[in-house]
Protein backbone atom coordinates (compact mmCIF):
# COMPACT_ATOMS: atom_id res chain seq x y z
CA MET A 1 46.11 118.96 50.21
CA MET A 2 48.28 115.50 48.35
CA ARG A 3 48.14 112.61 48.43
CA VAL A 4 51.10 110.33 49.56
CA SER A 5 51.29 108.16 46.63
CA ASN A 6 51.20 110.85 44.04
CA ILE A 7 55.14 112.12 45.78
CA LYS A 8 56.99 111.09 42.48
CA LYS A 9 60.13 112.93 43.80
CA VAL A 10 61.41 114.73 47.48
CA LYS A 11 64.50 116.52 47.47
CA LYS A 12 66.22 117.75 50.93
CA LEU A 13 66.87 121.49 51.09
CA ASN A 14 69.47 123.29 52.89
CA THR A 15 67.02 125.05 55.10
CA SER A 16 64.83 124.35 57.90
CA PHE A 17 60.72 124.93 57.73
CA ASP A 18 59.56 127.82 59.23
CA TYR A 19 56.40 126.45 61.28
CA THR A 20 54.82 129.45 63.13
CA PRO A 21 54.89 132.28 59.78
CA ALA A 22 52.95 129.36 58.04
CA LYS A 23 50.31 128.45 60.61
CA ALA A 24 49.65 131.76 60.58
CA MET A 25 49.38 132.10 57.30
CA ILE A 26 47.07 129.05 56.86
CA GLU A 27 45.03 130.30 60.01
CA GLU A 28 44.10 133.53 58.09
CA GLN A 29 43.29 132.04 55.05
CA PHE A 30 41.02 129.74 56.40
CA GLN A 31 39.58 132.14 59.30
CA HIS A 32 36.03 132.23 57.77
CA SER A 33 35.88 128.77 56.58
CA TYR A 34 35.96 125.50 56.34
CA ILE A 35 37.44 124.33 53.05
CA SER A 36 37.37 127.15 50.55
CA GLY A 37 40.05 129.39 51.90
CA LYS A 38 39.88 133.21 51.37
CA ARG A 39 38.08 134.73 48.10
CA GLY A 40 38.01 138.11 47.81
CA GLY A 41 36.28 140.77 49.95
CA ASP A 42 34.99 140.77 53.22
CA PRO A 43 33.24 137.71 54.68
CA THR A 44 29.61 137.27 54.88
CA LEU A 45 27.18 137.15 57.54
CA VAL A 46 24.37 134.39 57.59
CA MET A 47 21.98 134.25 60.50
CA ALA A 48 20.08 131.43 61.56
CA GLU A 49 17.18 131.74 64.26
CA LEU A 50 17.48 128.73 66.34
CA LYS A 51 14.26 126.57 67.41
CA PHE A 52 15.61 123.61 69.14
CA GLY A 53 13.37 124.22 72.60
CA GLY A 54 14.61 121.46 75.12
CA SER A 55 16.03 119.73 72.09
CA PRO A 56 18.99 117.33 72.91
CA LEU A 57 19.75 117.82 69.34
CA ARG A 58 21.15 121.44 70.53
CA ARG A 59 24.04 119.76 72.31
CA GLN A 60 24.61 118.24 69.17
CA PHE A 61 24.42 121.64 67.04
CA GLU A 62 26.94 122.97 69.39
CA ARG A 63 29.03 120.20 68.95
CA GLU A 64 28.88 120.28 65.13
CA ILE A 65 29.20 124.19 64.77
CA PHE A 66 33.14 124.57 62.63
CA VAL A 67 32.16 128.09 62.44
CA GLY A 68 30.63 130.73 63.96
CA GLU A 69 28.65 131.09 67.47
CA ILE A 70 25.36 130.50 69.27
CA VAL A 71 24.51 134.33 70.58
CA GLU A 72 21.41 135.74 72.14
CA GLN A 73 19.58 138.81 71.06
CA ASP A 74 15.91 139.96 71.93
CA GLY A 75 15.13 136.92 74.17
CA ARG A 76 16.01 134.27 71.21
CA GLU A 77 19.22 132.23 70.36
CA TYR A 78 20.75 132.55 66.97
CA TYR A 79 23.44 130.60 65.12
CA ARG A 80 26.02 133.64 63.59
CA ALA A 81 28.46 132.72 61.43
CA GLU A 82 30.99 135.11 59.16
CA VAL A 83 32.08 132.93 56.58
CA ASN A 84 34.22 133.33 52.80
CA ASP A 85 31.50 130.70 51.09
CA PRO A 86 27.70 130.74 52.93
CA THR A 87 27.07 127.55 50.78
CA GLU A 88 29.60 126.06 52.86
CA LEU A 89 26.98 126.04 55.84
CA LYS A 90 24.43 124.78 53.95
CA PRO A 91 24.80 121.13 55.13
CA LEU A 92 25.02 121.80 59.12
CA LEU A 93 21.64 124.30 58.35
CA ARG A 94 19.86 121.46 56.21
CA GLU A 95 20.85 118.85 58.77
CA TYR A 96 19.01 120.98 61.66
CA GLY A 97 15.91 121.96 59.58
CA PRO A 98 13.61 121.57 61.61
CA TYR A 99 14.61 123.59 64.60
CA LEU A 100 16.39 126.69 62.91
CA ARG A 101 15.71 129.04 60.12
CA ALA A 102 18.27 130.67 57.98
CA LEU A 103 17.72 134.29 57.98
CA PRO A 104 17.27 136.66 54.75
CA ASN A 105 20.22 138.41 53.69
CA GLU A 106 20.80 140.63 50.80
CA MET A 107 24.47 139.01 50.42
CA HIS A 108 23.24 135.30 50.47
CA GLN A 109 20.23 133.70 49.22
CA LEU A 110 20.63 130.75 51.94
CA ASP A 111 17.21 131.07 53.71
CA GLN A 112 15.53 130.76 49.76
CA GLU A 113 17.81 128.30 48.43
CA LEU A 114 16.74 125.51 51.54
CA GLN A 115 13.35 126.25 51.13
CA ASP A 116 13.43 125.37 47.39
CA GLU A 117 15.62 122.04 48.49
CA TYR A 118 13.05 121.15 51.33
CA GLU A 119 10.43 121.87 48.54
CA ARG A 120 11.72 119.60 45.90
CA MET A 121 12.76 116.84 48.56
CA LEU A 122 8.95 116.88 50.18
CA VAL A 123 8.06 116.26 46.22
CA ARG A 124 10.45 113.39 45.66
CA TYR A 125 9.89 111.08 48.85
CA GLY A 126 6.69 112.31 50.06
CA ALA A 127 7.63 112.07 53.77
CA VAL A 128 10.18 114.89 54.91
CA GLN A 129 10.06 116.50 58.50
CA SER A 130 8.21 119.86 57.68
CA VAL A 131 10.52 122.59 58.07
CA LEU A 132 8.18 124.90 55.86
């Protein structure tokens, strides 16, 4: 991305811009991410067990999902996403901490990182809704 105010010079080309291949390239680069783009290797699976019960926040969670989906397995609901950088999901998972539990995975440590953050918040602020 670039700020328009940072453009110093514009030169007209004799060729026209072909939107279709550019769109395909961008979609491929960001297929498993929000802002980080494609990285080497395969995407990493992130799963979180959902515990919304009858909370109306479940609909809001659905609207805020930018990558991944909600799936049902063994009578429980899970958020499942394949992402290039699991760290991108931390703000979403942290926001809904009381209503979900990130599951362990050998490819990332989001579950432990979030748990550590909740513990630090509890020490700093004292009144944090329990997700422990």
